[in-house]
Amino acid sequence: MNKPHNGIWVAYILSIFTPFTCLISGVIAIVYAGYRLDKGEDSEVVASHYYGLIRTFFLNLTFFVVLIVTVAPQTVC
């Protein structure tokens, strides 16, 4: 594994834990991805992976918010 590409693996590993840690690791992953994108030192391929991670995070966030909003009122007596 090349040294410049270690950051993408950190972001991927953190994003895997998103559903299990109430999206905290997802927030860390997108902040890290945004930081790496802002530095602009990575190749275009790596940058596209960072954009994909950010999109996936917000897709998961939307899914869980919709799930909670639709299920929570049905479980309250």
PDB file of N, CA and C in Angstrom:
ATOM      1  N   MET A   1       0.852  -1.166   0.000  1.00  0.00           N
ATOM      2  CA  MET A   1       0.000   0.000   0.000  1.00  0.00           C
ATOM      3  C   MET A   1       0.899   1.231   0.000  1.00  0.00           C
ATOM      4  N   ASN A   2       0.630   2.142  -0.901  1.00  0.00           N
ATOM      5  CA  ASN A   2       1.427   3.353  -0.996  1.00  0.00           C
ATOM      6  C   ASN A   2       1.124   4.293   0.155  1.00  0.00           C
ATOM      7  N   LYS A   3       2.144   4.989   0.597  1.00  0.00           N
ATOM      8  CA  LYS A   3       1.996   5.919   1.724  1.00  0.00           C
ATOM      9  C   LYS A   3       0.968   7.021   1.440  1.00  0.00           C
ATOM     10  N   PRO A   4       0.929   7.641   0.246  1.00  0.00           N
ATOM     11  CA  PRO A   4      -0.048   8.711   0.017  1.00  0.00           C
ATOM     12  C   PRO A   4      -1.497   8.232   0.034  1.00  0.00           C
ATOM     13  N   HIS A   5      -1.725   6.944  -0.146  1.00  0.00           N
ATOM     14  CA  HIS A   5      -3.096   6.432  -0.210  1.00  0.00           C
ATOM     15  C   HIS A   5      -3.578   5.856   1.112  1.00  0.00           C
ATOM     16  N   ASN A   6      -2.814   6.009   2.178  1.00  0.00           N
ATOM     17  CA  ASN A   6      -3.243   5.508   3.484  1.00  0.00           C
ATOM     18  C   ASN A   6      -4.490   6.221   3.973  1.00  0.00           C
ATOM     19  N   GLY A   7      -4.639   7.488   3.636  1.00  0.00           N
ATOM     20  CA  GLY A   7      -5.779   8.267   4.105  1.00  0.00           C
ATOM     21  C   GLY A   7      -7.103   7.730   3.624  1.00  0.00           C
ATOM     22  N   ILE A   8      -7.153   7.229   2.399  1.00  0.00           N
ATOM     23  CA  ILE A   8      -8.418   6.720   1.863  1.00  0.00           C
ATOM     24  C   ILE A   8      -8.848   5.489   2.644  1.00  0.00           C
ATOM     25  N   TRP A   9      -7.893   4.676   3.095  1.00  0.00           N
ATOM     26  CA  TRP A   9      -8.247   3.491   3.880  1.00  0.00           C
ATOM     27  C   TRP A   9      -8.779   3.875   5.251  1.00  0.00           C
ATOM     28  N   VAL A  10      -8.233   4.921   5.835  1.00  0.00           N
ATOM     29  CA  VAL A  10      -8.750   5.414   7.119  1.00  0.00           C
ATOM     30  C   VAL A  10     -10.200   5.840   6.954  1.00  0.00           C
ATOM     31  N   ALA A  11     -10.479   6.590   5.899  1.00  0.00           N
ATOM     32  CA  ALA A  11     -11.844   7.059   5.668  1.00  0.00           C
ATOM     33  C   ALA A  11     -12.795   5.892   5.402  1.00  0.00           C
ATOM     34  N   TYR A  12     -12.360   4.887   4.638  1.00  0.00           N
ATOM     35  CA  TYR A  12     -13.211   3.721   4.379  1.00  0.00           C
ATOM     36  C   TYR A  12     -13.506   2.946   5.664  1.00  0.00           C
ATOM     37  N   ILE A  13     -12.492   2.720   6.465  1.00  0.00           N
ATOM     38  CA  ILE A  13     -12.690   1.963   7.704  1.00  0.00           C
ATOM     39  C   ILE A  13     -13.630   2.703   8.639  1.00  0.00           C
ATOM     40  N   LEU A  14     -13.469   4.010   8.764  1.00  0.00           N
ATOM     41  CA  LEU A  14     -14.361   4.784   9.622  1.00  0.00           C
ATOM     42  C   LEU A  14     -15.789   4.775   9.096  1.00  0.00           C
ATOM     43  N   SER A  15     -15.957   4.803   7.777  1.00  0.00           N
ATOM     44  CA  SER A  15     -17.313   4.842   7.229  1.00  0.00           C
ATOM     45  C   SER A  15     -18.040   3.507   7.383  1.00  0.00           C
ATOM     46  N   ILE A  16     -17.303   2.409   7.510  1.00  0.00           N
ATOM     47  CA  ILE A  16     -17.933   1.097   7.699  1.00  0.00           C
ATOM     48  C   ILE A  16     -18.683   1.047   9.025  1.00  0.00           C
ATOM     49  N   PHE A  17     -18.162   1.718  10.042  1.00  0.00           N
ATOM     50  CA  PHE A  17     -18.763   1.686  11.368  1.00  0.00           C
ATOM     51  C   PHE A  17     -19.941   2.647  11.527  1.00  0.00           C
ATOM     52  N   THR A  18     -20.324   3.358  10.467  1.00  0.00           N
ATOM     53  CA  THR A  18     -21.360   4.388  10.566  1.00  0.00           C
ATOM     54  C   THR A  18     -22.654   3.894  11.201  1.00  0.00           C
ATOM     55  N   PRO A  19     -23.268   2.791  10.744  1.00  0.00           N
ATOM     56  CA  PRO A  19     -24.540   2.399  11.364  1.00  0.00           C
ATOM     57  C   PRO A  19     -24.392   1.947  12.814  1.00  0.00           C
ATOM     58  N   PHE A  20     -23.217   1.497  13.198  1.00  0.00           N
ATOM     59  CA  PHE A  20     -23.026   0.916  14.518  1.00  0.00           C
ATOM     60  C   PHE A  20     -22.701   1.935  15.600  1.00  0.00           C
ATOM     61  N   THR A  21     -22.300   3.109  15.250  1.00  0.00           N
ATOM     62  CA  THR A  21     -21.876   4.091  16.252  1.00  0.00           C
ATOM     63  C   THR A  21     -22.667   5.384  16.142  1.00  0.00           C
ATOM     64  N   CYS A  22     -23.918   5.280  15.737  1.00  0.00           N
ATOM     65  CA  CYS A  22     -24.808   6.443  15.655  1.00  0.00           C
ATOM     66  C   CYS A  22     -24.221   7.544  14.788  1.00  0.00           C
ATOM     67  N   LEU A  23     -23.585   7.178  13.726  1.00  0.00           N
ATOM     68  CA  LEU A  23     -23.050   8.073  12.712  1.00  0.00           C
ATOM     69  C   LEU A  23     -21.855   8.901  13.163  1.00  0.00           C
ATOM     70  N   ILE A  24     -21.336   8.652  14.355  1.00  0.00           N
ATOM     71  CA  ILE A  24     -20.179   9.421  14.824  1.00  0.00           C
ATOM     72  C   ILE A  24     -18.954   9.140  13.957  1.00  0.00           C
ATOM     73  N   SER A  25     -18.708   7.866  13.658  1.00  0.00           N
ATOM     74  CA  SER A  25     -17.554   7.553  12.823  1.00  0.00           C
ATOM     75  C   SER A  25     -17.743   8.088  11.413  1.00  0.00           C
ATOM     76  N   GLY A  26     -18.989   8.149  10.942  1.00  0.00           N
ATOM     77  CA  GLY A  26     -19.255   8.736   9.630  1.00  0.00           C
ATOM     78  C   GLY A  26     -18.925  10.212   9.593  1.00  0.00           C
ATOM     79  N   VAL A  27     -19.237  10.907  10.665  1.00  0.00           N
ATOM     80  CA  VAL A  27     -18.902  12.332  10.750  1.00  0.00           C
ATOM     81  C   VAL A  27     -17.387  12.513  10.726  1.00  0.00           C
ATOM     82  N   ILE A  28     -16.678  11.676  11.469  1.00  0.00           N
ATOM     83  CA  ILE A  28     -15.214  11.749  11.464  1.00  0.00           C
ATOM     84  C   ILE A  28     -14.684  11.466  10.061  1.00  0.00           C
ATOM     85  N   ALA A  29     -15.274  10.481   9.378  1.00  0.00           N
ATOM     86  CA  ALA A  29     -14.821  10.126   8.030  1.00  0.00           C
ATOM     87  C   ALA A  29     -15.037  11.268   7.051  1.00  0.00           C
ATOM     88  N   ILE A  30     -16.199  11.942   7.099  1.00  0.00           N
ATOM     89  CA  ILE A  30     -16.416  13.010   6.120  1.00  0.00           C
ATOM     90  C   ILE A  30     -15.601  14.249   6.462  1.00  0.00           C
ATOM     91  N   VAL A  31     -15.352  14.494   7.744  1.00  0.00           N
ATOM     92  CA  VAL A  31     -14.476  15.616   8.106  1.00  0.00           C
ATOM     93  C   VAL A  31     -13.062  15.342   7.600  1.00  0.00           C
ATOM     94  N   TYR A  32     -12.602  14.113   7.774  1.00  0.00           N
ATOM     95  CA  TYR A  32     -11.269  13.748   7.290  1.00  0.00           C
ATOM     96  C   TYR A  32     -11.205  13.822   5.764  1.00  0.00           C
ATOM     97  N   ALA A  33     -12.233  13.319   5.104  1.00  0.00           N
ATOM     98  CA  ALA A  33     -12.259  13.376   3.637  1.00  0.00           C
ATOM     99  C   ALA A  33     -12.275  14.824   3.161  1.00  0.00           C
ATOM    100  N   GLY A  34     -13.055  15.663   3.822  1.00  0.00           N
ATOM    101  CA  GLY A  34     -13.078  17.082   3.456  1.00  0.00           C
ATOM    102  C   GLY A  34     -11.730  17.742   3.665  1.00  0.00           C
ATOM    103  N   TYR A  35     -11.063  17.376   4.742  1.00  0.00           N
ATOM    104  CA  TYR A  35      -9.723  17.909   5.012  1.00  0.00           C
ATOM    105  C   TYR A  35      -8.753  17.509   3.908  1.00  0.00           C
ATOM    106  N   ARG A  36      -8.792  16.228   3.522  1.00  0.00           N
ATOM    107  CA  ARG A  36      -7.881  15.758   2.469  1.00  0.00           C
ATOM    108  C   ARG A  36      -8.216  16.398   1.120  1.00  0.00           C
ATOM    109  N   LEU A  37      -9.507  16.593   0.844  1.00  0.00           N
ATOM    110  CA  LEU A  37      -9.888  17.248  -0.404  1.00  0.00           C
ATOM    111  C   LEU A  37      -9.440  18.704  -0.405  1.00  0.00           C
ATOM    112  N   ASP A  38      -9.517  19.356   0.745  1.00  0.00           N
ATOM    113  CA  ASP A  38      -9.115  20.757   0.848  1.00  0.00           C
ATOM    114  C   ASP A  38      -7.619  20.925   0.634  1.00  0.00           C
ATOM    115  N   LYS A  39      -6.828  19.949   1.099  1.00  0.00           N
ATOM    116  CA  LYS A  39      -5.385  20.017   0.896  1.00  0.00           C
ATOM    117  C   LYS A  39      -5.033  19.870  -0.579  1.00  0.00           C
ATOM    118  N   GLY A  40      -5.799  19.047  -1.312  1.00  0.00           N
ATOM    119  CA  GLY A  40      -5.589  18.895  -2.750  1.00  0.00           C
ATOM    120  C   GLY A  40      -4.312  18.179  -3.135  1.00  0.00           C
ATOM    121  N   GLU A  41      -3.779  17.347  -2.279  1.00  0.00           N
ATOM    122  CA  GLU A  41      -2.526  16.655  -2.567  1.00  0.00           C
ATOM    123  C   GLU A  41      -2.726  15.263  -3.145  1.00  0.00           C
ATOM    124  N   ASP A  42      -3.954  14.776  -3.188  1.00  0.00           N
ATOM    125  CA  ASP A  42      -4.221  13.427  -3.671  1.00  0.00           C
ATOM    126  C   ASP A  42      -4.555  13.451  -5.159  1.00  0.00           C
ATOM    127  N   SER A  43      -4.469  12.270  -5.785  1.00  0.00           N
ATOM    128  CA  SER A  43      -4.786  12.161  -7.205  1.00  0.00           C
ATOM    129  C   SER A  43      -6.292  12.268  -7.419  1.00  0.00           C
ATOM    130  N   GLU A  44      -6.693  12.386  -8.674  1.00  0.00           N
ATOM    131  CA  GLU A  44      -8.119  12.510  -9.002  1.00  0.00           C
ATOM    132  C   GLU A  44      -8.900  11.257  -8.612  1.00  0.00           C
ATOM    133  N   VAL A  45      -8.274  10.094  -8.742  1.00  0.00           N
ATOM    134  CA  VAL A  45      -8.952   8.841  -8.390  1.00  0.00           C
ATOM    135  C   VAL A  45      -9.241   8.800  -6.893  1.00  0.00           C
ATOM    136  N   VAL A  46      -8.262   9.167  -6.091  1.00  0.00           N
ATOM    137  CA  VAL A  46      -8.455   9.180  -4.641  1.00  0.00           C
ATOM    138  C   VAL A  46      -9.493  10.226  -4.260  1.00  0.00           C
ATOM    139  N   ALA A  47      -9.449  11.388  -4.902  1.00  0.00           N
ATOM    140  CA  ALA A  47     -10.431  12.438  -4.623  1.00  0.00           C
ATOM    141  C   ALA A  47     -11.838  11.956  -4.945  1.00  0.00           C
ATOM    142  N   SER A  48     -12.003  11.189  -6.017  1.00  0.00           N
ATOM    143  CA  SER A  48     -13.337  10.682  -6.353  1.00  0.00           C
ATOM    144  C   SER A  48     -13.827   9.695  -5.294  1.00  0.00           C
ATOM    145  N   HIS A  49     -12.909   8.955  -4.680  1.00  0.00           N
ATOM    146  CA  HIS A  49     -13.296   8.059  -3.583  1.00  0.00           C
ATOM    147  C   HIS A  49     -13.767   8.862  -2.374  1.00  0.00           C
ATOM    148  N   TYR A  50     -13.074   9.960  -2.092  1.00  0.00           N
ATOM    149  CA  TYR A  50     -13.502  10.814  -0.978  1.00  0.00           C
ATOM    150  C   TYR A  50     -14.898  11.375  -1.234  1.00  0.00           C
ATOM    151  N   TYR A  51     -15.153  11.837  -2.459  1.00  0.00           N
ATOM    152  CA  TYR A  51     -16.489  12.345  -2.789  1.00  0.00           C
ATOM    153  C   TYR A  51     -17.535  11.240  -2.643  1.00  0.00           C
ATOM    154  N   GLY A  52     -17.181  10.027  -3.049  1.00  0.00           N
ATOM    155  CA  GLY A  52     -18.104   8.899  -2.900  1.00  0.00           C
ATOM    156  C   GLY A  52     -18.412   8.595  -1.443  1.00  0.00           C
ATOM    157  N   LEU A  53     -17.403   8.675  -0.580  1.00  0.00           N
ATOM    158  CA  LEU A  53     -17.628   8.458   0.853  1.00  0.00           C
ATOM    159  C   LEU A  53     -18.553   9.517   1.440  1.00  0.00           C
ATOM    160  N   ILE A  54     -18.363  10.759   1.027  1.00  0.00           N
ATOM    161  CA  ILE A  54     -19.214  11.837   1.533  1.00  0.00           C
ATOM    162  C   ILE A  54     -20.651  11.631   1.071  1.00  0.00           C
ATOM    163  N   ARG A  55     -20.842  11.274  -0.201  1.00  0.00           N
ATOM    164  CA  ARG A  55     -22.198  11.012  -0.709  1.00  0.00           C
ATOM    165  C   ARG A  55     -22.840   9.836   0.021  1.00  0.00           C
ATOM    166  N   THR A  56     -22.080   8.776   0.237  1.00  0.00           N
ATOM    167  CA  THR A  56     -22.609   7.600   0.927  1.00  0.00           C
ATOM    168  C   THR A  56     -23.004   7.935   2.362  1.00  0.00           C
ATOM    169  N   PHE A  57     -22.205   8.743   3.033  1.00  0.00           N
ATOM    170  CA  PHE A  57     -22.543   9.139   4.398  1.00  0.00           C
ATOM    171  C   PHE A  57     -23.887   9.854   4.432  1.00  0.00           C
ATOM    172  N   PHE A  58     -24.078  10.824   3.547  1.00  0.00           N
ATOM    173  CA  PHE A  58     -25.331  11.570   3.575  1.00  0.00           C
ATOM    174  C   PHE A  58     -26.509  10.718   3.116  1.00  0.00           C
ATOM    175  N   LEU A  59     -26.271   9.745   2.253  1.00  0.00           N
ATOM    176  CA  LEU A  59     -27.332   8.809   1.879  1.00  0.00           C
ATOM    177  C   LEU A  59     -27.744   7.972   3.085  1.00  0.00           C
ATOM    178  N   ASN A  60     -26.763   7.445   3.823  1.00  0.00           N
ATOM    179  CA  ASN A  60     -27.069   6.675   5.036  1.00  0.00           C
ATOM    180  C   ASN A  60     -27.744   7.536   6.089  1.00  0.00           C
ATOM    181  N   LEU A  61     -27.285   8.761   6.245  1.00  0.00           N
ATOM    182  CA  LEU A  61     -27.890   9.668   7.211  1.00  0.00           C
ATOM    183  C   LEU A  61     -29.353   9.908   6.873  1.00  0.00           C
ATOM    184  N   THR A  62     -29.633  10.157   5.600  1.00  0.00           N
ATOM    185  CA  THR A  62     -31.016  10.366   5.168  1.00  0.00           C
ATOM    186  C   THR A  62     -31.854   9.124   5.425  1.00  0.00           C
ATOM    187  N   PHE A  63     -31.317   7.948   5.116  1.00  0.00           N
ATOM    188  CA  PHE A  63     -32.049   6.702   5.338  1.00  0.00           C
ATOM    189  C   PHE A  63     -32.417   6.531   6.808  1.00  0.00           C
ATOM    190  N   PHE A  64     -31.430   6.726   7.700  1.00  0.00           N
ATOM    191  CA  PHE A  64     -31.694   6.530   9.126  1.00  0.00           C
ATOM    192  C   PHE A  64     -32.652   7.575   9.681  1.00  0.00           C
ATOM    193  N   VAL A  65     -32.558   8.800   9.214  1.00  0.00           N
ATOM    194  CA  VAL A  65     -33.488   9.839   9.678  1.00  0.00           C
ATOM    195  C   VAL A  65     -34.902   9.504   9.243  1.00  0.00           C
ATOM    196  N   VAL A  66     -35.082   9.106   7.986  1.00  0.00           N
ATOM    197  CA  VAL A  66     -36.415   8.735   7.501  1.00  0.00           C
ATOM    198  C   VAL A  66     -36.919   7.513   8.253  1.00  0.00           C
ATOM    199  N   LEU A  67     -36.062   6.543   8.491  1.00  0.00           N
ATOM    200  CA  LEU A  67     -36.454   5.351   9.230  1.00  0.00           C
ATOM    201  C   LEU A  67     -36.909   5.701  10.646  1.00  0.00           C
ATOM    202  N   ILE A  68     -36.155   6.527  11.315  1.00  0.00           N
ATOM    203  CA  ILE A  68     -36.511   6.916  12.685  1.00  0.00           C
ATOM    204  C   ILE A  68     -37.798   7.718  12.708  1.00  0.00           C
ATOM    205  N   VAL A  69     -37.957   8.632  11.764  1.00  0.00           N
ATOM    206  CA  VAL A  69     -39.154   9.478  11.739  1.00  0.00           C
ATOM    207  C   VAL A  69     -40.396   8.658  11.426  1.00  0.00           C
ATOM    208  N   THR A  70     -40.284   7.638  10.598  1.00  0.00           N
ATOM    209  CA  THR A  70     -41.468   6.847  10.251  1.00  0.00           C
ATOM    210  C   THR A  70     -41.771   5.761  11.275  1.00  0.00           C
ATOM    211  N   VAL A  71     -40.767   5.192  11.911  1.00  0.00           N
ATOM    212  CA  VAL A  71     -40.994   4.097  12.853  1.00  0.00           C
ATOM    213  C   VAL A  71     -41.328   4.614  14.251  1.00  0.00           C
ATOM    214  N   ALA A  72     -40.691   5.675  14.688  1.00  0.00           N
ATOM    215  CA  ALA A  72     -40.888   6.167  16.054  1.00  0.00           C
ATOM    216  C   ALA A  72     -42.346   6.513  16.365  1.00  0.00           C
ATOM    217  N   PRO A  73     -43.075   7.212  15.503  1.00  0.00           N
ATOM    218  CA  PRO A  73     -44.471   7.510  15.843  1.00  0.00           C
ATOM    219  C   PRO A  73     -45.351   6.259  15.905  1.00  0.00           C
ATOM    220  N   GLN A  74     -44.992   5.212  15.205  1.00  0.00           N
ATOM    221  CA  GLN A  74     -45.799   3.999  15.198  1.00  0.00           C
ATOM    222  C   GLN A  74     -45.593   3.165  16.457  1.00  0.00           C
ATOM    223  N   THR A  75     -44.463   3.343  17.135  1.00  0.00           N
ATOM    224  CA  THR A  75     -44.198   2.542  18.329  1.00  0.00           C
ATOM    225  C   THR A  75     -44.679   3.216  19.606  1.00  0.00           C
ATOM    226  N   VAL A  76     -45.033   4.480  19.535  1.00  0.00           N
ATOM    227  CA  VAL A  76     -45.528   5.194  20.718  1.00  0.00           C
ATOM    228  C   VAL A  76     -47.012   4.899  20.883  1.00  0.00           C
ATOM    229  N   CYS A  77     -47.426   4.522  22.085  1.00  0.00           N
ATOM    230  CA  CYS A  77     -48.832   4.180  22.326  1.00  0.00           C
ATOM    231  C   CYS A  77     -49.677   5.400  22.561  1.00  0.00           C
TER     232      CYS A  77
END
